[in-house]
Protein backbone atom coordinates (compact mmCIF):
# COMPACT_ATOMS: atom_id res chain seq x y z
CA UNK A 1 -3.67 -6.11 -8.89
CA UNK A 2 -5.43 -2.59 -9.15
CA UNK A 3 -6.84 -3.63 -12.55
CA UNK A 4 -8.34 -6.92 -10.84
CA UNK A 5 -9.79 -4.69 -8.04
CA UNK A 6 -11.40 -2.42 -10.59
CA UNK A 7 -12.69 -5.36 -12.64
CA UNK A 8 -13.98 -7.05 -9.54
CA UNK A 9 -15.66 -3.94 -7.85
CA UNK A 10 -16.44 -1.67 -11.01
CA UNK A 11 -18.90 0.48 -9.00
CA UNK A 12 -16.67 1.33 -6.03
CA UNK A 13 -14.00 3.95 -5.45
CA UNK A 14 -10.89 3.05 -3.65
CA UNK A 15 -8.32 5.24 -1.88
CA UNK A 16 -4.95 4.66 -3.27
CA UNK A 17 -1.40 5.74 -2.54
CA UNK A 18 0.37 7.23 -5.42
CA UNK A 19 3.52 5.16 -6.60
CA UNK A 20 2.53 2.00 -4.58
CA UNK A 21 0.07 0.20 -6.96
CA UNK A 22 2.47 -2.74 -7.12
CA UNK A 23 2.29 -3.26 -3.19
CA UNK A 24 -1.60 -3.74 -3.18
CA UNK A 25 -2.38 -7.29 -2.26
CA UNK A 26 -6.17 -7.18 -1.80
CA UNK A 27 -9.33 -5.25 -0.47
CA UNK A 28 -11.11 -5.55 2.75
CA UNK A 29 -14.68 -6.25 1.59
CA UNK A 30 -16.26 -4.95 4.69
CA UNK A 31 -14.82 -1.57 4.64
CA UNK A 32 -13.91 -1.56 0.95
CA UNK A 33 -10.50 -0.37 1.78
CA UNK A 34 -7.35 -1.40 -0.29
CA UNK A 35 -4.80 -3.47 1.49
CA UNK A 36 -1.08 -2.81 0.98
CA UNK A 37 1.78 -5.00 1.72
CA UNK A 38 4.25 -2.99 3.95
CA UNK A 39 7.20 -5.01 2.77
CA UNK A 40 6.51 -4.22 -0.75
CA UNK A 41 6.02 -0.56 -0.08
CA UNK A 42 9.57 -0.63 1.67
CA UNK A 43 10.86 -2.53 -1.37
CA UNK A 44 9.43 0.05 -3.84
CA UNK A 45 11.17 2.92 -2.02
CA UNK A 46 14.31 1.08 -2.08
CA UNK A 47 14.34 0.09 -5.64
CA UNK A 48 12.51 3.31 -7.07
CA UNK A 49 14.12 5.93 -4.87
CA UNK A 50 17.45 4.34 -4.19
CA UNK A 51 16.80 4.60 -0.31
CA UNK A 52 18.51 2.21 2.11
CA UNK A 53 16.45 -0.11 4.19
CA UNK A 54 16.63 2.24 7.13
CA UNK A 55 15.58 5.27 5.01
CA UNK A 56 12.73 3.44 3.36
CA UNK A 57 11.60 2.40 6.60
CA UNK A 58 11.60 5.84 8.07
CA UNK A 59 10.01 7.44 5.16
CA UNK A 60 7.46 4.92 4.91
CA UNK A 61 6.19 4.91 8.49
CA UNK A 62 6.56 8.67 8.89
CA UNK A 63 5.00 9.90 5.50
CA UNK A 64 2.91 6.99 4.30
CA UNK A 65 1.71 4.62 6.98
CA UNK A 66 0.88 7.41 9.50
CA UNK A 67 -1.20 9.34 7.06
CA UNK A 68 -4.86 9.18 7.98
CA UNK A 69 -7.19 10.35 4.93
CA UNK A 70 -10.82 9.41 6.29
CA UNK A 71 -12.85 6.25 6.23
CA UNK A 72 -11.09 4.98 3.15
CA UNK A 73 -7.49 5.11 4.57
CA UNK A 74 -5.83 2.16 3.17
CA UNK A 75 -5.12 -0.77 5.42
CA UNK A 76 -1.37 -1.62 5.95
CA UNK A 77 -0.51 -5.42 6.18
CA UNK A 78 2.65 -5.91 8.12
CA UNK A 79 4.36 -8.81 6.33
CA UNK A 80 7.87 -9.99 6.07
CA UNK A 81 9.87 -10.26 2.90
CA UNK A 82 11.04 -13.97 2.36
CA UNK A 83 14.47 -14.84 1.12
């Protein structure tokens, strides 16, 4: 997805969260902020870092979701893992 964003918006700079490119689901064209899937971020933490669901939830919401890095802070889409 990140490659698609770069191709679609070659002149724009996006704030990205290290290690979570696979969780990108789009961009808000009004604010030019990257949109991340919360469930995909949690899944990445569980698979990549071997965390349990509870550990991944706690880590994500405390260390990632709550970080404010200015006007280009990513948007977090609360979605649900299906299946």
